[in-house]
PDB file of N, CA and C in Angstrom:
ATOM      1  N   UNK A   1       0.836  -1.186   0.000  1.00  0.00           N
ATOM      2  CA  UNK A   1       0.000   0.000   0.000  1.00  0.00           C
ATOM      3  C   UNK A   1       0.879   1.246   0.000  1.00  0.00           C
ATOM      4  N   UNK A   2       0.409   2.275  -0.633  1.00  0.00           N
ATOM      5  CA  UNK A   2       1.168   3.511  -0.744  1.00  0.00           C
ATOM      6  C   UNK A   2       1.287   4.207   0.607  1.00  0.00           C
ATOM      7  N   UNK A   3       2.268   5.093   0.695  1.00  0.00           N
ATOM      8  CA  UNK A   3       2.497   5.828   1.939  1.00  0.00           C
ATOM      9  C   UNK A   3       1.684   7.117   1.980  1.00  0.00           C
ATOM     10  N   UNK A   4       0.387   6.983   2.044  1.00  0.00           N
ATOM     11  CA  UNK A   4      -0.506   8.122   2.166  1.00  0.00           C
ATOM     12  C   UNK A   4      -1.011   8.177   3.601  1.00  0.00           C
ATOM     13  N   UNK A   5      -1.390   9.364   4.062  1.00  0.00           N
ATOM     14  CA  UNK A   5      -1.975   9.417   5.416  1.00  0.00           C
ATOM     15  C   UNK A   5      -3.234   8.562   5.463  1.00  0.00           C
ATOM     16  N   UNK A   6      -3.409   7.883   6.573  1.00  0.00           N
ATOM     17  CA  UNK A   6      -4.602   7.056   6.736  1.00  0.00           C
ATOM     18  C   UNK A   6      -5.835   7.930   6.898  1.00  0.00           C
ATOM     19  N   UNK A   7      -6.929   7.494   6.326  1.00  0.00           N
ATOM     20  CA  UNK A   7      -8.202   8.180   6.511  1.00  0.00           C
ATOM     21  C   UNK A   7      -8.834   7.718   7.816  1.00  0.00           C
ATOM     22  N   UNK A   8      -9.544   8.625   8.463  1.00  0.00           N
ATOM     23  CA  UNK A   8     -10.330   8.264   9.635  1.00  0.00           C
ATOM     24  C   UNK A   8     -11.513   7.417   9.177  1.00  0.00           C
ATOM     25  N   UNK A   9     -11.932   6.497  10.012  1.00  0.00           N
ATOM     26  CA  UNK A   9     -13.103   5.666   9.734  1.00  0.00           C
ATOM     27  C   UNK A   9     -14.246   6.152  10.620  1.00  0.00           C
ATOM     28  N   UNK A  10     -15.346   6.510   9.990  1.00  0.00           N
ATOM     29  CA  UNK A  10     -16.532   6.998  10.693  1.00  0.00           C
ATOM     30  C   UNK A  10     -17.640   5.969  10.503  1.00  0.00           C
ATOM     31  N   UNK A  11     -18.252   5.567  11.600  1.00  0.00           N
ATOM     32  CA  UNK A  11     -19.351   4.606  11.550  1.00  0.00           C
ATOM     33  C   UNK A  11     -20.673   5.350  11.713  1.00  0.00           C
ATOM     34  N   UNK A  12     -21.496   5.314  10.679  1.00  0.00           N
ATOM     35  CA  UNK A  12     -22.851   5.847  10.814  1.00  0.00           C
ATOM     36  C   UNK A  12     -23.625   4.920  11.760  1.00  0.00           C
ATOM     37  N   UNK A  13     -24.511   5.449  12.578  1.00  0.00           N
ATOM     38  CA  UNK A  13     -25.273   4.595  13.501  1.00  0.00           C
ATOM     39  C   UNK A  13     -25.980   3.432  12.802  1.00  0.00           C
ATOM     40  N   UNK A  14     -26.515   3.670  11.617  1.00  0.00           N
ATOM     41  CA  UNK A  14     -27.200   2.590  10.894  1.00  0.00           C
ATOM     42  C   UNK A  14     -26.245   1.440  10.578  1.00  0.00           C
ATOM     43  N   UNK A  15     -25.006   1.774  10.205  1.00  0.00           N
ATOM     44  CA  UNK A  15     -24.059   0.710   9.868  1.00  0.00           C
ATOM     45  C   UNK A  15     -23.702  -0.113  11.104  1.00  0.00           C
ATOM     46  N   UNK A  16     -23.597   0.554  12.248  1.00  0.00           N
ATOM     47  CA  UNK A  16     -23.304  -0.172  13.488  1.00  0.00           C
ATOM     48  C   UNK A  16     -24.464  -1.091  13.871  1.00  0.00           C
ATOM     49  N   UNK A  17     -25.684  -0.607  13.694  1.00  0.00           N
ATOM     50  CA  UNK A  17     -26.861  -1.429  13.995  1.00  0.00           C
ATOM     51  C   UNK A  17     -26.953  -2.635  13.057  1.00  0.00           C
ATOM     52  N   UNK A  18     -26.650  -2.420  11.783  1.00  0.00           N
ATOM     53  CA  UNK A  18     -26.681  -3.511  10.815  1.00  0.00           C
ATOM     54  C   UNK A  18     -25.626  -4.561  11.140  1.00  0.00           C
ATOM     55  N   UNK A  19     -24.427  -4.106  11.520  1.00  0.00           N
ATOM     56  CA  UNK A  19     -23.369  -5.041  11.886  1.00  0.00           C
ATOM     57  C   UNK A  19     -23.767  -5.833  13.126  1.00  0.00           C
ATOM     58  N   UNK A  20     -24.338  -5.166  14.109  1.00  0.00           N
ATOM     59  CA  UNK A  20     -24.774  -5.850  15.338  1.00  0.00           C
ATOM     60  C   UNK A  20     -25.863  -6.878  15.038  1.00  0.00           C
ATOM     61  N   UNK A  21     -26.722  -6.579  14.072  1.00  0.00           N
ATOM     62  CA  UNK A  21     -27.765  -7.537  13.702  1.00  0.00           C
ATOM     63  C   UNK A  21     -27.164  -8.761  13.001  1.00  0.00           C
ATOM     64  N   UNK A  22     -26.106  -8.544  12.223  1.00  0.00           N
ATOM     65  CA  UNK A  22     -25.451  -9.650  11.528  1.00  0.00           C
ATOM     66  C   UNK A  22     -24.591 -10.491  12.469  1.00  0.00           C
ATOM     67  N   UNK A  23     -23.884  -9.781  13.375  1.00  0.00           N
ATOM     68  CA  UNK A  23     -22.961 -10.453  14.301  1.00  0.00           C
ATOM     69  C   UNK A  23     -23.185  -9.862  15.688  1.00  0.00           C
ATOM     70  N   UNK A  24     -24.042 -10.472  16.489  1.00  0.00           N
ATOM     71  CA  UNK A  24     -24.367  -9.922  17.810  1.00  0.00           C
ATOM     72  C   UNK A  24     -23.175  -9.852  18.783  1.00  0.00           C
ATOM     73  N   UNK A  25     -22.201 -10.748  18.641  1.00  0.00           N
ATOM     74  CA  UNK A  25     -21.030 -10.749  19.514  1.00  0.00           C
ATOM     75  C   UNK A  25     -20.125  -9.579  19.137  1.00  0.00           C
ATOM     76  N   UNK A  26     -19.992  -8.595  20.027  1.00  0.00           N
ATOM     77  CA  UNK A  26     -19.265  -7.357  19.734  1.00  0.00           C
ATOM     78  C   UNK A  26     -17.823  -7.609  19.327  1.00  0.00           C
ATOM     79  N   UNK A  27     -17.140  -8.491  20.024  1.00  0.00           N
ATOM     80  CA  UNK A  27     -15.731  -8.768  19.699  1.00  0.00           C
ATOM     81  C   UNK A  27     -15.601  -9.390  18.317  1.00  0.00           C
ATOM     82  N   UNK A  28     -16.459 -10.337  18.021  1.00  0.00           N
ATOM     83  CA  UNK A  28     -16.439 -10.978  16.700  1.00  0.00           C
ATOM     84  C   UNK A  28     -16.801  -9.977  15.595  1.00  0.00           C
ATOM     85  N   UNK A  29     -17.749  -9.098  15.866  1.00  0.00           N
ATOM     86  CA  UNK A  29     -18.134  -8.068  14.895  1.00  0.00           C
ATOM     87  C   UNK A  29     -16.963  -7.129  14.620  1.00  0.00           C
ATOM     88  N   UNK A  30     -16.257  -6.717  15.672  1.00  0.00           N
ATOM     89  CA  UNK A  30     -15.089  -5.841  15.508  1.00  0.00           C
ATOM     90  C   UNK A  30     -14.016  -6.519  14.661  1.00  0.00           C
ATOM     91  N   UNK A  31     -13.784  -7.797  14.909  1.00  0.00           N
ATOM     92  CA  UNK A  31     -12.794  -8.542  14.135  1.00  0.00           C
ATOM     93  C   UNK A  31     -13.212  -8.636  12.671  1.00  0.00           C
ATOM     94  N   UNK A  32     -14.499  -8.854  12.431  1.00  0.00           N
ATOM     95  CA  UNK A  32     -15.005  -8.997  11.066  1.00  0.00           C
ATOM     96  C   UNK A  32     -14.805  -7.710  10.262  1.00  0.00           C
ATOM     97  N   UNK A  33     -15.059  -6.579  10.879  1.00  0.00           N
ATOM     98  CA  UNK A  33     -15.012  -5.299  10.165  1.00  0.00           C
ATOM     99  C   UNK A  33     -13.602  -4.701  10.118  1.00  0.00           C
ATOM    100  N   UNK A  34     -12.703  -5.150  10.993  1.00  0.00           N
ATOM    101  CA  UNK A  34     -11.365  -4.561  11.108  1.00  0.00           C
ATOM    102  C   UNK A  34     -10.571  -4.627   9.804  1.00  0.00           C
ATOM    103  N   UNK A  35     -10.616  -5.744   9.122  1.00  0.00           N
ATOM    104  CA  UNK A  35      -9.860  -5.876   7.874  1.00  0.00           C
ATOM    105  C   UNK A  35     -10.367  -4.889   6.824  1.00  0.00           C
ATOM    106  N   UNK A  36     -11.672  -4.751   6.726  1.00  0.00           N
ATOM    107  CA  UNK A  36     -12.241  -3.797   5.764  1.00  0.00           C
ATOM    108  C   UNK A  36     -11.839  -2.372   6.116  1.00  0.00           C
ATOM    109  N   UNK A  37     -11.865  -2.040   7.397  1.00  0.00           N
ATOM    110  CA  UNK A  37     -11.456  -0.703   7.823  1.00  0.00           C
ATOM    111  C   UNK A  37     -10.007  -0.425   7.453  1.00  0.00           C
ATOM    112  N   UNK A  38      -9.148  -1.402   7.622  1.00  0.00           N
ATOM    113  CA  UNK A  38      -7.729  -1.248   7.280  1.00  0.00           C
ATOM    114  C   UNK A  38      -7.555  -0.969   5.792  1.00  0.00           C
ATOM    115  N   UNK A  39      -8.229  -1.758   4.967  1.00  0.00           N
ATOM    116  CA  UNK A  39      -8.154  -1.568   3.514  1.00  0.00           C
ATOM    117  C   UNK A  39      -8.660  -0.181   3.141  1.00  0.00           C
ATOM    118  N   UNK A  40      -9.829   0.188   3.640  1.00  0.00           N
ATOM    119  CA  UNK A  40     -10.445   1.459   3.255  1.00  0.00           C
ATOM    120  C   UNK A  40      -9.682   2.664   3.787  1.00  0.00           C
ATOM    121  N   UNK A  41      -9.081   2.548   4.952  1.00  0.00           N
ATOM    122  CA  UNK A  41      -8.296   3.663   5.502  1.00  0.00           C
ATOM    123  C   UNK A  41      -7.101   3.962   4.602  1.00  0.00           C
ATOM    124  N   UNK A  42      -6.548   2.919   3.978  1.00  0.00           N
ATOM    125  CA  UNK A  42      -5.406   3.104   3.083  1.00  0.00           C
ATOM    126  C   UNK A  42      -5.843   3.525   1.681  1.00  0.00           C
ATOM    127  N   UNK A  43      -6.825   2.801   1.130  1.00  0.00           N
ATOM    128  CA  UNK A  43      -7.220   3.060  -0.255  1.00  0.00           C
ATOM    129  C   UNK A  43      -8.677   2.697  -0.495  1.00  0.00           C
ATOM    130  N   UNK A  44      -9.575   3.652  -0.294  1.00  0.00           N
ATOM    131  CA  UNK A  44     -10.998   3.366  -0.469  1.00  0.00           C
ATOM    132  C   UNK A  44     -11.388   3.009  -1.905  1.00  0.00           C
ATOM    133  N   UNK A  45     -10.537   3.329  -2.864  1.00  0.00           N
ATOM    134  CA  UNK A  45     -10.853   2.977  -4.247  1.00  0.00           C
ATOM    135  C   UNK A  45     -10.624   1.495  -4.537  1.00  0.00           C
ATOM    136  N   UNK A  46     -10.242   0.727  -3.520  1.00  0.00           N
ATOM    137  CA  UNK A  46     -10.160  -0.726  -3.678  1.00  0.00           C
ATOM    138  C   UNK A  46     -11.554  -1.340  -3.744  1.00  0.00           C
ATOM    139  N   UNK A  47     -12.576  -0.580  -3.363  1.00  0.00           N
ATOM    140  CA  UNK A  47     -13.953  -1.024  -3.484  1.00  0.00           C
ATOM    141  C   UNK A  47     -14.457  -0.817  -4.900  1.00  0.00           C
ATOM    142  N   UNK A  48     -15.769  -0.868  -5.046  1.00  0.00           N
ATOM    143  CA  UNK A  48     -16.422  -0.753  -6.348  1.00  0.00           C
ATOM    144  C   UNK A  48     -17.464   0.354  -6.259  1.00  0.00           C
ATOM    145  N   UNK A  49     -17.510   1.259  -7.256  1.00  0.00           N
ATOM    146  CA  UNK A  49     -18.555   2.286  -7.216  1.00  0.00           C
ATOM    147  C   UNK A  49     -19.946   1.646  -7.223  1.00  0.00           C
ATOM    148  N   UNK A  50     -20.802   2.109  -6.329  1.00  0.00           N
ATOM    149  CA  UNK A  50     -22.173   1.593  -6.252  1.00  0.00           C
ATOM    150  C   UNK A  50     -23.150   2.533  -6.952  1.00  0.00           C
ATOM    151  N   UNK A  51     -22.709   3.751  -7.214  1.00  0.00           N
ATOM    152  CA  UNK A  51     -23.547   4.733  -7.913  1.00  0.00           C
ATOM    153  C   UNK A  51     -22.786   5.245  -9.128  1.00  0.00           C
ATOM    154  N   UNK A  52     -23.524   5.689 -10.129  1.00  0.00           N
ATOM    155  CA  UNK A  52     -22.889   6.193 -11.353  1.00  0.00           C
ATOM    156  C   UNK A  52     -21.968   7.379 -11.086  1.00  0.00           C
ATOM    157  N   UNK A  53     -22.344   8.227 -10.118  1.00  0.00           N
ATOM    158  CA  UNK A  53     -21.535   9.411  -9.846  1.00  0.00           C
ATOM    159  C   UNK A  53     -20.368   9.126  -8.889  1.00  0.00           C
ATOM    160  N   UNK A  54     -20.251   7.892  -8.399  1.00  0.00           N
ATOM    161  CA  UNK A  54     -19.153   7.534  -7.516  1.00  0.00           C
ATOM    162  C   UNK A  54     -19.269   8.088  -6.116  1.00  0.00           C
ATOM    163  N   UNK A  55     -20.455   8.532  -5.734  1.00  0.00           N
ATOM    164  CA  UNK A  55     -20.621   9.097  -4.397  1.00  0.00           C
ATOM    165  C   UNK A  55     -20.738   8.017  -3.317  1.00  0.00           C
ATOM    166  N   UNK A  56     -21.169   6.820  -3.716  1.00  0.00           N
ATOM    167  CA  UNK A  56     -21.255   5.689  -2.794  1.00  0.00           C
ATOM    168  C   UNK A  56     -20.512   4.524  -3.425  1.00  0.00           C
ATOM    169  N   UNK A  57     -19.735   3.840  -2.600  1.00  0.00           N
ATOM    170  CA  UNK A  57     -18.953   2.682  -3.031  1.00  0.00           C
ATOM    171  C   UNK A  57     -19.336   1.487  -2.169  1.00  0.00           C
ATOM    172  N   UNK A  58     -18.942   0.288  -2.616  1.00  0.00           N
ATOM    173  CA  UNK A  58     -19.124  -0.890  -1.761  1.00  0.00           C
ATOM    174  C   UNK A  58     -17.886  -1.767  -1.832  1.00  0.00           C
ATOM    175  N   UNK A  59     -17.694  -2.495  -0.750  1.00  0.00           N
ATOM    176  CA  UNK A  59     -16.574  -3.422  -0.641  1.00  0.00           C
ATOM    177  C   UNK A  59     -17.147  -4.807  -0.362  1.00  0.00           C
ATOM    178  N   UNK A  60     -16.972  -5.755  -1.295  1.00  0.00           N
ATOM    179  CA  UNK A  60     -17.400  -7.124  -1.014  1.00  0.00           C
ATOM    180  C   UNK A  60     -16.564  -7.675   0.145  1.00  0.00           C
ATOM    181  N   UNK A  61     -17.212  -8.406   1.036  1.00  0.00           N
ATOM    182  CA  UNK A  61     -16.526  -8.930   2.213  1.00  0.00           C
ATOM    183  C   UNK A  61     -16.650 -10.446   2.273  1.00  0.00           C
ATOM    184  N   UNK A  62     -16.089 -11.031   3.312  1.00  0.00           N
ATOM    185  CA  UNK A  62     -16.142 -12.475   3.511  1.00  0.00           C
ATOM    186  C   UNK A  62     -17.585 -12.947   3.623  1.00  0.00           C
ATOM    187  N   UNK A  63     -17.793 -14.191   3.258  1.00  0.00           N
ATOM    188  CA  UNK A  63     -19.108 -14.792   3.443  1.00  0.00           C
ATOM    189  C   UNK A  63     -19.435 -14.854   4.929  1.00  0.00           C
ATOM    190  N   UNK A  64     -20.684 -14.690   5.231  1.00  0.00           N
ATOM    191  CA  UNK A  64     -21.147 -14.773   6.612  1.00  0.00           C
ATOM    192  C   UNK A  64     -22.398 -15.629   6.622  1.00  0.00           C
ATOM    193  N   UNK A  65     -22.310 -16.792   7.234  1.00  0.00           N
ATOM    194  CA  UNK A  65     -23.446 -17.703   7.244  1.00  0.00           C
ATOM    195  C   UNK A  65     -23.841 -18.150   5.855  1.00  0.00           C
ATOM    196  N   UNK A  66     -22.852 -18.256   4.963  1.00  0.00           N
ATOM    197  CA  UNK A  66     -23.117 -18.680   3.596  1.00  0.00           C
ATOM    198  C   UNK A  66     -23.642 -17.585   2.684  1.00  0.00           C
ATOM    199  N   UNK A  67     -23.777 -16.374   3.200  1.00  0.00           N
ATOM    200  CA  UNK A  67     -24.288 -15.259   2.401  1.00  0.00           C
ATOM    201  C   UNK A  67     -23.165 -14.258   2.113  1.00  0.00           C
ATOM    202  N   UNK A  68     -23.225 -13.632   0.940  1.00  0.00           N
ATOM    203  CA  UNK A  68     -22.283 -12.577   0.602  1.00  0.00           C
ATOM    204  C   UNK A  68     -22.600 -11.343   1.426  1.00  0.00           C
ATOM    205  N   UNK A  69     -21.560 -10.630   1.811  1.00  0.00           N
ATOM    206  CA  UNK A  69     -21.716  -9.412   2.598  1.00  0.00           C
ATOM    207  C   UNK A  69     -21.063  -8.266   1.838  1.00  0.00           C
ATOM    208  N   UNK A  70     -21.707  -7.106   1.845  1.00  0.00           N
ATOM    209  CA  UNK A  70     -21.151  -5.913   1.211  1.00  0.00           C
ATOM    210  C   UNK A  70     -21.210  -4.749   2.193  1.00  0.00           C
ATOM    211  N   UNK A  71     -20.138  -3.975   2.211  1.00  0.00           N
ATOM    212  CA  UNK A  71     -20.026  -2.792   3.052  1.00  0.00           C
ATOM    213  C   UNK A  71     -20.127  -1.571   2.149  1.00  0.00           C
ATOM    214  N   UNK A  72     -21.121  -0.724   2.386  1.00  0.00           N
ATOM    215  CA  UNK A  72     -21.327   0.486   1.592  1.00  0.00           C
ATOM    216  C   UNK A  72     -20.743   1.680   2.334  1.00  0.00           C
ATOM    217  N   UNK A  73     -20.100   2.590   1.587  1.00  0.00           N
ATOM    218  CA  UNK A  73     -19.397   3.708   2.214  1.00  0.00           C
ATOM    219  C   UNK A  73     -19.221   4.874   1.253  1.00  0.00           C
ATOM    220  N   UNK A  74     -18.872   6.003   1.815  1.00  0.00           N
ATOM    221  CA  UNK A  74     -18.446   7.181   1.065  1.00  0.00           C
ATOM    222  C   UNK A  74     -17.066   7.549   1.594  1.00  0.00           C
ATOM    223  N   UNK A  75     -16.362   8.412   0.851  1.00  0.00           N
ATOM    224  CA  UNK A  75     -15.047   8.822   1.330  1.00  0.00           C
ATOM    225  C   UNK A  75     -14.625  10.141   0.707  1.00  0.00           C
ATOM    226  N   UNK A  76     -13.677  10.776   1.374  1.00  0.00           N
ATOM    227  CA  UNK A  76     -12.993  11.939   0.832  1.00  0.00           C
ATOM    228  C   UNK A  76     -11.515  11.779   1.178  1.00  0.00           C
ATOM    229  N   UNK A  77     -10.736  12.844   1.051  1.00  0.00           N
ATOM    230  CA  UNK A  77      -9.298  12.749   1.302  1.00  0.00           C
ATOM    231  C   UNK A  77      -8.945  12.490   2.759  1.00  0.00           C
ATOM    232  N   UNK A  78      -9.894  12.702   3.673  1.00  0.00           N
ATOM    233  CA  UNK A  78      -9.592  12.624   5.096  1.00  0.00           C
ATOM    234  C   UNK A  78     -10.312  11.508   5.843  1.00  0.00           C
ATOM    235  N   UNK A  79     -11.419  11.029   5.304  1.00  0.00           N
ATOM    236  CA  UNK A  79     -12.196  10.038   6.049  1.00  0.00           C
ATOM    237  C   UNK A  79     -12.980   9.111   5.120  1.00  0.00           C
ATOM    238  N   UNK A  80     -13.378   7.980   5.706  1.00  0.00           N
ATOM    239  CA  UNK A  80     -14.283   7.020   5.078  1.00  0.00           C
ATOM    240  C   UNK A  80     -15.465   6.885   6.033  1.00  0.00           C
ATOM    241  N   UNK A  81     -16.662   7.040   5.491  1.00  0.00           N
ATOM    242  CA  UNK A  81     -17.865   6.905   6.303  1.00  0.00           C
ATOM    243  C   UNK A  81     -18.589   5.627   5.915  1.00  0.00           C
ATOM    244  N   UNK A  82     -18.708   4.730   6.886  1.00  0.00           N
ATOM    245  CA  UNK A  82     -19.401   3.463   6.665  1.00  0.00           C
ATOM    246  C   UNK A  82     -20.892   3.705   6.770  1.00  0.00           C
ATOM    247  N   UNK A  83     -21.610   3.422   5.698  1.00  0.00           N
ATOM    248  CA  UNK A  83     -23.051   3.708   5.618  1.00  0.00           C
ATOM    249  C   UNK A  83     -23.917   2.511   5.966  1.00  0.00           C
ATOM    250  N   UNK A  84     -23.555   1.348   5.433  1.00  0.00           N
ATOM    251  CA  UNK A  84     -24.395   0.165   5.602  1.00  0.00           C
ATOM    252  C   UNK A  84     -23.557  -1.083   5.399  1.00  0.00           C
ATOM    253  N   UNK A  85     -23.972  -2.151   6.049  1.00  0.00           N
ATOM    254  CA  UNK A  85     -23.380  -3.472   5.813  1.00  0.00           C
ATOM    255  C   UNK A  85     -24.548  -4.426   5.679  1.00  0.00           C
ATOM    256  N   UNK A  86     -24.601  -5.081   4.519  1.00  0.00           N
ATOM    257  CA  UNK A  86     -25.766  -5.899   4.203  1.00  0.00           C
ATOM    258  C   UNK A  86     -25.353  -7.248   3.622  1.00  0.00           C
ATOM    259  N   UNK A  87     -26.216  -8.230   3.793  1.00  0.00           N
ATOM    260  CA  UNK A  87     -26.023  -9.511   3.132  1.00  0.00           C
ATOM    261  C   UNK A  87     -26.753  -9.454   1.796  1.00  0.00           C
ATOM    262  N   UNK A  88     -26.211 -10.158   0.856  1.00  0.00           N
ATOM    263  CA  UNK A  88     -26.796 -10.146  -0.496  1.00  0.00           C
ATOM    264  C   UNK A  88     -27.114 -11.544  -0.945  1.00  0.00           C
TER     265      UNK A  88
END
């Protein structure tokens, strides 16, 4: 990864509630999301644009209970805001 300043990770309340619904165990939930946070803090463009204008992106994540999981977010030069985490 390039030597750029890390972006702050901001959790919208909805994203935290969605994660808690998917993984009720707080420690396990933190472990699940930590890898995605690390990737996005370094380079949020590793995800995929979810909107035509690029205002919302998503990051495919590990399977959870046999279902695909996607993390939706926005970002700028200083932060990444986690909007939603959903199974697909």
